[in-house]
């Protein structure tokens, strides 16, 4: 059996270009990702800065980087650094923050497949150690976030 991972696939009535924007455009992520935005040029090796503008929280870490970027097809990056400010904004306790911070950095990949009238999005979040608290958190978080993204893209 391999390392633990989270995989989720959904179909969205949109275009690959619009879905790409939903993953990378701060105006869309701010709406669909519960106030979170990303600053990056989305080129492999570039940093990804996470921001919560309404809370004046910025998470910048040189280890938060784009791993792969093939616009409208695939995007992968290392998951963000866990900070006390992030925990406060996200509603996580100091105990969970400590558990998250003790784990190795995970990574997430978004695979976009054009099916004609719809687009299939597969999210794979992996590189977790067995018993990962982060894996448990993303397993609960990703479906809700992706449902919000799907609703946003299909309503516009």
N, C-alpha and C. Protein backbone atom coordinates (compact mmCIF):
# COMPACT_ATOMS: atom_id res chain seq x y z
N UNK A 1 0.83 -1.18 0.00
CA UNK A 1 0.00 0.00 0.00
C UNK A 1 0.88 1.25 0.00
N UNK A 2 0.50 2.27 -0.80
CA UNK A 2 1.30 3.49 -0.92
C UNK A 2 1.07 4.46 0.22
N UNK A 3 1.72 5.58 0.10
CA UNK A 3 1.56 6.64 1.08
C UNK A 3 0.12 7.16 1.07
N UNK A 4 -0.37 7.66 2.19
CA UNK A 4 -1.73 8.19 2.22
C UNK A 4 -1.87 9.43 1.34
N UNK A 5 -3.04 9.57 0.73
CA UNK A 5 -3.30 10.73 -0.12
C UNK A 5 -4.80 11.00 -0.14
N UNK A 6 -5.14 12.20 -0.60
CA UNK A 6 -6.52 12.59 -0.83
C UNK A 6 -6.69 12.79 -2.32
N UNK A 7 -7.69 12.15 -2.92
CA UNK A 7 -7.99 12.32 -4.34
C UNK A 7 -9.48 12.60 -4.47
N UNK A 8 -9.80 13.61 -5.26
CA UNK A 8 -11.20 14.00 -5.46
C UNK A 8 -11.38 14.42 -6.91
N UNK A 9 -12.40 13.87 -7.56
CA UNK A 9 -12.69 14.22 -8.95
C UNK A 9 -14.10 14.75 -9.04
N UNK A 10 -14.26 15.83 -9.80
CA UNK A 10 -15.57 16.41 -10.05
C UNK A 10 -15.62 16.93 -11.48
N UNK A 11 -16.81 17.04 -12.02
CA UNK A 11 -17.00 17.64 -13.34
C UNK A 11 -17.68 18.99 -13.15
N UNK A 12 -17.20 19.98 -13.90
CA UNK A 12 -17.70 21.34 -13.78
C UNK A 12 -18.11 21.83 -15.16
N UNK A 13 -19.27 22.42 -15.25
CA UNK A 13 -19.73 22.99 -16.52
C UNK A 13 -19.05 24.33 -16.73
N UNK A 14 -17.85 24.27 -17.29
CA UNK A 14 -17.05 25.46 -17.54
C UNK A 14 -16.02 25.10 -18.61
N UNK A 15 -15.09 25.98 -18.83
CA UNK A 15 -14.00 25.72 -19.78
C UNK A 15 -12.71 25.50 -19.00
N UNK A 16 -11.72 24.85 -19.61
CA UNK A 16 -10.44 24.70 -18.93
C UNK A 16 -9.82 26.06 -18.56
N UNK A 17 -10.01 27.05 -19.43
CA UNK A 17 -9.46 28.39 -19.16
C UNK A 17 -10.10 29.03 -17.94
N UNK A 18 -11.40 28.90 -17.83
CA UNK A 18 -12.11 29.49 -16.69
C UNK A 18 -11.76 28.75 -15.40
N UNK A 19 -11.63 27.42 -15.49
CA UNK A 19 -11.23 26.65 -14.31
C UNK A 19 -9.83 27.04 -13.86
N UNK A 20 -8.92 27.22 -14.81
CA UNK A 20 -7.57 27.66 -14.48
C UNK A 20 -7.63 28.98 -13.71
N UNK A 21 -8.47 29.90 -14.19
CA UNK A 21 -8.64 31.17 -13.49
C UNK A 21 -9.18 30.95 -12.07
N UNK A 22 -10.07 29.98 -11.93
CA UNK A 22 -10.62 29.67 -10.62
C UNK A 22 -9.58 29.16 -9.63
N UNK A 23 -8.51 28.61 -10.16
CA UNK A 23 -7.43 28.10 -9.31
C UNK A 23 -6.32 29.13 -9.07
N UNK A 24 -6.21 30.13 -9.94
CA UNK A 24 -5.05 31.02 -9.89
C UNK A 24 -5.37 32.51 -9.74
N UNK A 25 -6.56 32.93 -10.09
CA UNK A 25 -6.90 34.35 -10.08
C UNK A 25 -7.35 34.77 -8.68
N UNK A 26 -6.64 35.72 -8.05
CA UNK A 26 -6.98 36.12 -6.68
C UNK A 26 -8.43 36.59 -6.50
N UNK A 27 -9.01 37.22 -7.51
CA UNK A 27 -10.40 37.68 -7.37
C UNK A 27 -11.36 36.51 -7.25
N UNK A 28 -11.06 35.41 -7.91
CA UNK A 28 -11.92 34.23 -7.82
C UNK A 28 -11.60 33.42 -6.58
N UNK A 29 -10.31 33.20 -6.31
CA UNK A 29 -9.97 32.39 -5.14
C UNK A 29 -10.45 33.06 -3.85
N UNK A 30 -10.39 34.38 -3.81
CA UNK A 30 -10.86 35.09 -2.62
C UNK A 30 -12.33 34.77 -2.33
N UNK A 31 -13.11 34.64 -3.40
CA UNK A 31 -14.53 34.33 -3.24
C UNK A 31 -14.76 32.86 -2.92
N UNK A 32 -14.08 31.97 -3.63
CA UNK A 32 -14.34 30.52 -3.53
C UNK A 32 -13.53 29.82 -2.45
N UNK A 33 -12.40 30.39 -2.06
CA UNK A 33 -11.49 29.74 -1.10
C UNK A 33 -11.58 30.41 0.26
N UNK A 34 -12.75 30.93 0.59
CA UNK A 34 -13.01 31.51 1.90
C UNK A 34 -12.05 32.64 2.28
N UNK A 35 -11.85 33.56 1.32
CA UNK A 35 -11.05 34.74 1.58
C UNK A 35 -9.58 34.62 1.26
N UNK A 36 -9.13 33.44 0.87
CA UNK A 36 -7.71 33.19 0.60
C UNK A 36 -7.37 33.58 -0.84
N UNK A 37 -6.21 34.20 -1.01
CA UNK A 37 -5.70 34.47 -2.35
C UNK A 37 -4.27 33.95 -2.45
N UNK A 38 -3.83 33.76 -3.68
CA UNK A 38 -2.47 33.33 -3.94
C UNK A 38 -1.78 34.38 -4.80
N UNK A 39 -0.53 34.68 -4.48
CA UNK A 39 0.30 35.54 -5.32
C UNK A 39 1.40 34.67 -5.90
N UNK A 40 1.40 34.53 -7.22
CA UNK A 40 2.43 33.75 -7.90
C UNK A 40 2.35 34.07 -9.39
N UNK A 41 3.43 33.84 -10.10
CA UNK A 41 3.36 33.93 -11.56
C UNK A 41 3.07 32.56 -12.16
N UNK A 42 2.96 31.55 -11.29
CA UNK A 42 2.56 30.18 -11.65
C UNK A 42 3.53 29.50 -12.61
N UNK A 43 4.80 29.85 -12.52
CA UNK A 43 5.83 29.15 -13.29
C UNK A 43 6.55 28.18 -12.35
N UNK A 44 6.95 27.00 -12.87
CA UNK A 44 7.67 26.05 -12.01
C UNK A 44 8.85 26.69 -11.31
N UNK A 45 8.95 26.46 -10.01
CA UNK A 45 10.02 27.03 -9.20
C UNK A 45 9.66 28.34 -8.54
N UNK A 46 8.60 29.01 -9.01
CA UNK A 46 8.19 30.29 -8.43
C UNK A 46 7.52 30.06 -7.08
N UNK A 47 7.65 31.05 -6.22
CA UNK A 47 7.01 30.95 -4.91
C UNK A 47 5.51 31.21 -5.02
N UNK A 48 4.79 30.70 -4.04
CA UNK A 48 3.35 30.92 -3.90
C UNK A 48 3.14 31.56 -2.54
N UNK A 49 2.70 32.80 -2.53
CA UNK A 49 2.40 33.50 -1.29
C UNK A 49 0.92 33.41 -1.03
N UNK A 50 0.56 32.98 0.15
CA UNK A 50 -0.84 32.83 0.55
C UNK A 50 -1.22 34.07 1.34
N UNK A 51 -2.38 34.63 1.01
CA UNK A 51 -2.85 35.83 1.72
C UNK A 51 -4.31 35.69 2.11
N UNK A 52 -4.62 36.26 3.26
CA UNK A 52 -5.99 36.45 3.70
C UNK A 52 -6.16 37.96 3.85
N UNK A 53 -6.47 38.67 2.75
CA UNK A 53 -6.49 40.13 2.79
C UNK A 53 -7.40 40.73 3.85
N UNK A 54 -8.55 40.13 4.11
CA UNK A 54 -9.48 40.69 5.09
C UNK A 54 -8.93 40.63 6.51
N UNK A 55 -7.95 39.75 6.74
CA UNK A 55 -7.38 39.58 8.07
C UNK A 55 -5.94 40.10 8.14
N UNK A 56 -5.45 40.66 7.04
CA UNK A 56 -4.08 41.16 6.96
C UNK A 56 -3.07 40.07 7.32
N UNK A 57 -3.29 38.84 6.82
CA UNK A 57 -2.41 37.71 7.07
C UNK A 57 -1.74 37.32 5.76
N UNK A 58 -0.41 37.22 5.79
CA UNK A 58 0.38 36.78 4.64
C UNK A 58 1.27 35.64 5.08
N UNK A 59 1.27 34.57 4.28
CA UNK A 59 2.14 33.42 4.55
C UNK A 59 3.09 33.29 3.37
N UNK A 60 4.30 33.77 3.58
CA UNK A 60 5.34 33.72 2.55
C UNK A 60 6.46 32.83 3.07
N UNK A 61 6.83 31.85 2.28
CA UNK A 61 7.87 30.91 2.66
C UNK A 61 8.54 30.44 1.37
N UNK A 62 9.87 30.48 1.29
CA UNK A 62 10.52 30.05 0.05
C UNK A 62 10.28 28.59 -0.29
N UNK A 63 9.76 27.80 0.65
CA UNK A 63 9.45 26.39 0.36
C UNK A 63 8.05 26.21 -0.23
N UNK A 64 7.26 27.28 -0.27
CA UNK A 64 5.95 27.24 -0.92
C UNK A 64 6.18 27.56 -2.39
N UNK A 65 6.26 26.52 -3.23
CA UNK A 65 6.63 26.74 -4.62
C UNK A 65 5.74 25.98 -5.59
N UNK A 66 5.70 26.51 -6.81
CA UNK A 66 5.03 25.83 -7.92
C UNK A 66 5.92 24.68 -8.36
N UNK A 67 5.35 23.48 -8.41
CA UNK A 67 6.10 22.30 -8.85
C UNK A 67 5.91 22.05 -10.34
N UNK A 68 4.67 22.17 -10.81
CA UNK A 68 4.35 21.98 -12.22
C UNK A 68 3.29 22.99 -12.62
N UNK A 69 3.40 23.48 -13.85
CA UNK A 69 2.40 24.41 -14.35
C UNK A 69 2.28 24.25 -15.86
N UNK A 70 1.17 23.69 -16.27
CA UNK A 70 0.81 23.55 -17.68
C UNK A 70 -0.57 24.18 -17.78
N UNK A 71 -0.64 25.49 -18.08
CA UNK A 71 -1.91 26.21 -18.00
C UNK A 71 -3.07 25.47 -18.66
N UNK A 72 -4.17 25.44 -17.92
CA UNK A 72 -5.42 24.82 -18.33
C UNK A 72 -5.35 23.30 -18.41
N UNK A 73 -4.25 22.72 -17.92
CA UNK A 73 -4.12 21.25 -17.90
C UNK A 73 -3.69 20.71 -16.54
N UNK A 74 -2.63 21.32 -15.95
CA UNK A 74 -2.12 20.80 -14.68
C UNK A 74 -1.41 21.91 -13.91
N UNK A 75 -1.69 21.93 -12.60
CA UNK A 75 -1.03 22.84 -11.68
C UNK A 75 -0.72 22.06 -10.42
N UNK A 76 0.51 22.18 -9.94
CA UNK A 76 0.91 21.51 -8.72
C UNK A 76 1.82 22.44 -7.93
N UNK A 77 1.62 22.46 -6.61
CA UNK A 77 2.49 23.27 -5.75
C UNK A 77 2.58 22.64 -4.37
N UNK A 78 3.60 23.06 -3.63
CA UNK A 78 3.74 22.60 -2.26
C UNK A 78 2.71 23.32 -1.40
N UNK A 79 2.22 22.62 -0.40
CA UNK A 79 1.20 23.18 0.47
C UNK A 79 1.82 24.21 1.39
N UNK A 80 1.01 25.10 1.88
CA UNK A 80 1.51 26.26 2.61
C UNK A 80 2.06 25.92 4.00
N UNK A 81 2.80 26.86 4.50
CA UNK A 81 3.35 26.80 5.84
C UNK A 81 2.24 27.14 6.83
N UNK A 82 2.23 26.45 7.96
CA UNK A 82 1.22 26.70 8.98
C UNK A 82 1.79 27.67 10.02
N UNK A 83 1.10 28.79 10.18
CA UNK A 83 1.54 29.83 11.10
C UNK A 83 0.44 30.09 12.14
N UNK A 84 0.79 30.72 13.26
CA UNK A 84 -0.25 31.07 14.24
C UNK A 84 -1.33 31.98 13.64
N UNK A 85 -0.92 32.88 12.76
CA UNK A 85 -1.89 33.79 12.12
C UNK A 85 -2.87 33.00 11.26
N UNK A 86 -2.33 32.02 10.50
CA UNK A 86 -3.19 31.16 9.67
C UNK A 86 -4.16 30.40 10.56
N UNK A 87 -3.68 29.82 11.65
CA UNK A 87 -4.53 29.05 12.55
C UNK A 87 -5.66 29.91 13.10
N UNK A 88 -5.35 31.14 13.46
CA UNK A 88 -6.37 32.04 14.00
C UNK A 88 -7.45 32.33 12.96
N UNK A 89 -7.03 32.64 11.73
CA UNK A 89 -7.97 32.92 10.65
C UNK A 89 -8.81 31.67 10.32
N UNK A 90 -8.19 30.52 10.35
CA UNK A 90 -8.84 29.27 9.95
C UNK A 90 -9.61 28.58 11.07
N UNK A 91 -9.45 29.06 12.30
CA UNK A 91 -10.18 28.48 13.41
C UNK A 91 -9.58 27.20 13.95
N UNK A 92 -8.28 27.01 13.80
CA UNK A 92 -7.61 25.82 14.32
C UNK A 92 -6.94 26.15 15.65
N UNK A 93 -6.96 25.19 16.55
CA UNK A 93 -6.39 25.37 17.88
C UNK A 93 -4.86 25.36 17.82
N UNK A 94 -4.25 25.82 18.90
CA UNK A 94 -2.78 25.78 19.00
C UNK A 94 -2.28 24.34 18.95
N UNK A 95 -3.05 23.42 19.52
CA UNK A 95 -2.67 22.00 19.50
C UNK A 95 -2.63 21.46 18.07
N UNK A 96 -3.67 21.77 17.29
CA UNK A 96 -3.67 21.31 15.89
C UNK A 96 -2.58 22.01 15.09
N UNK A 97 -2.37 23.30 15.33
CA UNK A 97 -1.29 24.02 14.66
C UNK A 97 0.03 23.32 14.92
N UNK A 98 0.29 22.93 16.14
CA UNK A 98 1.54 22.24 16.48
C UNK A 98 1.64 20.90 15.74
N UNK A 99 0.54 20.17 15.68
CA UNK A 99 0.55 18.89 14.95
C UNK A 99 0.80 19.11 13.46
N UNK A 100 0.10 20.08 12.87
CA UNK A 100 0.29 20.38 11.44
C UNK A 100 1.74 20.79 11.17
N UNK A 101 2.26 21.67 12.02
CA UNK A 101 3.62 22.20 11.81
C UNK A 101 4.70 21.13 11.95
N UNK A 102 4.42 20.08 12.71
CA UNK A 102 5.40 19.01 12.91
C UNK A 102 5.49 18.05 11.72
N UNK A 103 4.52 18.13 10.82
CA UNK A 103 4.50 17.23 9.67
C UNK A 103 5.32 17.77 8.51
N UNK A 104 5.76 16.85 7.64
CA UNK A 104 6.46 17.29 6.43
C UNK A 104 5.48 18.02 5.52
N UNK A 105 6.03 18.84 4.66
CA UNK A 105 5.21 19.62 3.74
C UNK A 105 4.59 18.70 2.69
N UNK A 106 3.29 18.85 2.47
CA UNK A 106 2.59 18.06 1.47
C UNK A 106 2.54 18.84 0.16
N UNK A 107 1.93 18.22 -0.85
CA UNK A 107 1.79 18.92 -2.13
C UNK A 107 0.41 18.62 -2.70
N UNK A 108 -0.06 19.52 -3.55
CA UNK A 108 -1.36 19.37 -4.17
C UNK A 108 -1.21 19.52 -5.67
N UNK A 109 -2.00 18.75 -6.42
CA UNK A 109 -2.00 18.84 -7.88
C UNK A 109 -3.44 18.92 -8.37
N UNK A 110 -3.64 19.77 -9.38
CA UNK A 110 -4.93 19.93 -10.02
C UNK A 110 -4.78 19.50 -11.47
N UNK A 111 -5.47 18.43 -11.85
CA UNK A 111 -5.44 17.96 -13.23
C UNK A 111 -6.77 18.32 -13.88
N UNK A 112 -6.67 19.01 -15.02
CA UNK A 112 -7.83 19.54 -15.73
C UNK A 112 -7.95 18.80 -17.06
N UNK A 113 -9.11 18.19 -17.28
CA UNK A 113 -9.34 17.47 -18.54
C UNK A 113 -10.60 18.00 -19.21
N UNK A 114 -10.45 18.49 -20.43
CA UNK A 114 -11.57 19.02 -21.20
C UNK A 114 -12.38 17.85 -21.75
N UNK A 115 -13.65 17.78 -21.34
CA UNK A 115 -14.53 16.71 -21.80
C UNK A 115 -15.56 17.22 -22.81
N UNK A 116 -15.35 18.40 -23.32
CA UNK A 116 -16.29 18.98 -24.27
C UNK A 116 -17.20 19.98 -23.59
N UNK A 117 -18.37 19.52 -23.14
CA UNK A 117 -19.30 20.42 -22.47
C UNK A 117 -18.95 20.66 -21.01
N UNK A 118 -18.14 19.79 -20.46
CA UNK A 118 -17.72 19.94 -19.07
C UNK A 118 -16.21 19.77 -18.98
N UNK A 119 -15.70 20.07 -17.81
CA UNK A 119 -14.28 19.89 -17.53
C UNK A 119 -14.18 19.00 -16.29
N UNK A 120 -13.33 18.01 -16.37
CA UNK A 120 -13.09 17.16 -15.21
C UNK A 120 -11.89 17.69 -14.45
N UNK A 121 -12.09 17.91 -13.16
CA UNK A 121 -11.01 18.36 -12.28
C UNK A 121 -10.71 17.25 -11.29
N UNK A 122 -9.45 16.84 -11.24
CA UNK A 122 -9.01 15.88 -10.24
C UNK A 122 -7.98 16.55 -9.35
N UNK A 123 -8.27 16.57 -8.07
CA UNK A 123 -7.36 17.14 -7.08
C UNK A 123 -6.70 15.98 -6.35
N UNK A 124 -5.37 15.98 -6.35
CA UNK A 124 -4.61 14.98 -5.61
C UNK A 124 -3.73 15.72 -4.62
N UNK A 125 -3.98 15.49 -3.36
CA UNK A 125 -3.18 16.11 -2.29
C UNK A 125 -2.45 14.96 -1.61
N UNK A 126 -1.11 14.97 -1.67
CA UNK A 126 -0.37 13.82 -1.18
C UNK A 126 0.95 14.21 -0.51
N UNK A 127 1.77 13.21 -0.31
CA UNK A 127 3.04 13.31 0.38
C UNK A 127 2.84 13.48 1.89
N UNK A 128 1.89 12.72 2.41
CA UNK A 128 1.59 12.71 3.83
C UNK A 128 2.22 11.49 4.49
N UNK A 129 2.60 11.64 5.73
CA UNK A 129 3.03 10.49 6.53
C UNK A 129 1.77 9.78 7.05
N UNK A 130 1.87 8.49 7.35
CA UNK A 130 0.73 7.80 7.94
C UNK A 130 0.26 8.51 9.21
N UNK A 131 -1.05 8.60 9.39
CA UNK A 131 -1.62 9.25 10.57
C UNK A 131 -1.61 10.77 10.51
N UNK A 132 -1.43 11.33 9.35
CA UNK A 132 -1.32 12.78 9.18
C UNK A 132 -2.57 13.54 9.62
N UNK A 133 -2.37 14.54 10.46
CA UNK A 133 -3.46 15.43 10.85
C UNK A 133 -3.83 16.36 9.70
N UNK A 134 -2.84 16.74 8.89
CA UNK A 134 -3.12 17.61 7.74
C UNK A 134 -4.00 16.86 6.74
N UNK A 135 -3.70 15.58 6.51
CA UNK A 135 -4.53 14.79 5.60
C UNK A 135 -5.97 14.75 6.09
N UNK A 136 -6.16 14.56 7.36
CA UNK A 136 -7.53 14.55 7.90
C UNK A 136 -8.21 15.89 7.66
N UNK A 137 -7.49 16.98 7.85
CA UNK A 137 -8.07 18.31 7.66
C UNK A 137 -8.42 18.57 6.20
N UNK A 138 -7.52 18.23 5.27
CA UNK A 138 -7.81 18.50 3.85
C UNK A 138 -8.91 17.57 3.34
N UNK A 139 -9.01 16.38 3.90
CA UNK A 139 -10.07 15.46 3.51
C UNK A 139 -11.44 16.06 3.83
N UNK A 140 -11.51 16.80 4.90
CA UNK A 140 -12.75 17.48 5.26
C UNK A 140 -12.91 18.81 4.51
N UNK A 141 -11.80 19.46 4.17
CA UNK A 141 -11.86 20.78 3.57
C UNK A 141 -12.02 20.82 2.06
N UNK A 142 -11.30 19.96 1.36
CA UNK A 142 -11.34 20.01 -0.11
C UNK A 142 -12.74 19.86 -0.70
N UNK A 143 -13.56 18.89 -0.29
CA UNK A 143 -14.88 18.76 -0.93
C UNK A 143 -15.72 20.03 -0.84
N UNK A 144 -15.69 20.69 0.30
CA UNK A 144 -16.46 21.94 0.46
C UNK A 144 -15.91 23.05 -0.43
N UNK A 145 -14.60 23.19 -0.43
CA UNK A 145 -13.97 24.22 -1.26
C UNK A 145 -14.25 23.97 -2.74
N UNK A 146 -14.13 22.73 -3.18
CA UNK A 146 -14.36 22.41 -4.59
C UNK A 146 -15.83 22.58 -4.97
N UNK A 147 -16.73 22.30 -4.04
CA UNK A 147 -18.15 22.55 -4.30
C UNK A 147 -18.40 24.05 -4.49
N UNK A 148 -17.75 24.87 -3.67
CA UNK A 148 -17.89 26.32 -3.81
C UNK A 148 -17.32 26.80 -5.15
N UNK A 149 -16.18 26.25 -5.55
CA UNK A 149 -15.58 26.62 -6.83
C UNK A 149 -16.49 26.22 -7.98
N UNK A 150 -17.01 25.00 -7.93
CA UNK A 150 -17.92 24.50 -8.97
C UNK A 150 -19.16 25.41 -9.08
N UNK A 151 -19.76 25.73 -7.94
CA UNK A 151 -20.95 26.59 -7.94
C UNK A 151 -20.63 27.95 -8.53
N UNK A 152 -19.52 28.54 -8.12
CA UNK A 152 -19.12 29.86 -8.60
C UNK A 152 -18.94 29.84 -10.12
N UNK A 153 -18.21 28.86 -10.63
CA UNK A 153 -17.92 28.80 -12.07
C UNK A 153 -19.16 28.49 -12.89
N UNK A 154 -20.05 27.68 -12.36
CA UNK A 154 -21.24 27.31 -13.12
C UNK A 154 -22.31 28.41 -13.10
N UNK A 155 -22.27 29.29 -12.11
CA UNK A 155 -23.24 30.38 -12.04
C UNK A 155 -22.84 31.60 -12.87
N UNK A 156 -21.61 31.61 -13.33
CA UNK A 156 -21.13 32.79 -14.09
C UNK A 156 -20.79 32.42 -15.49
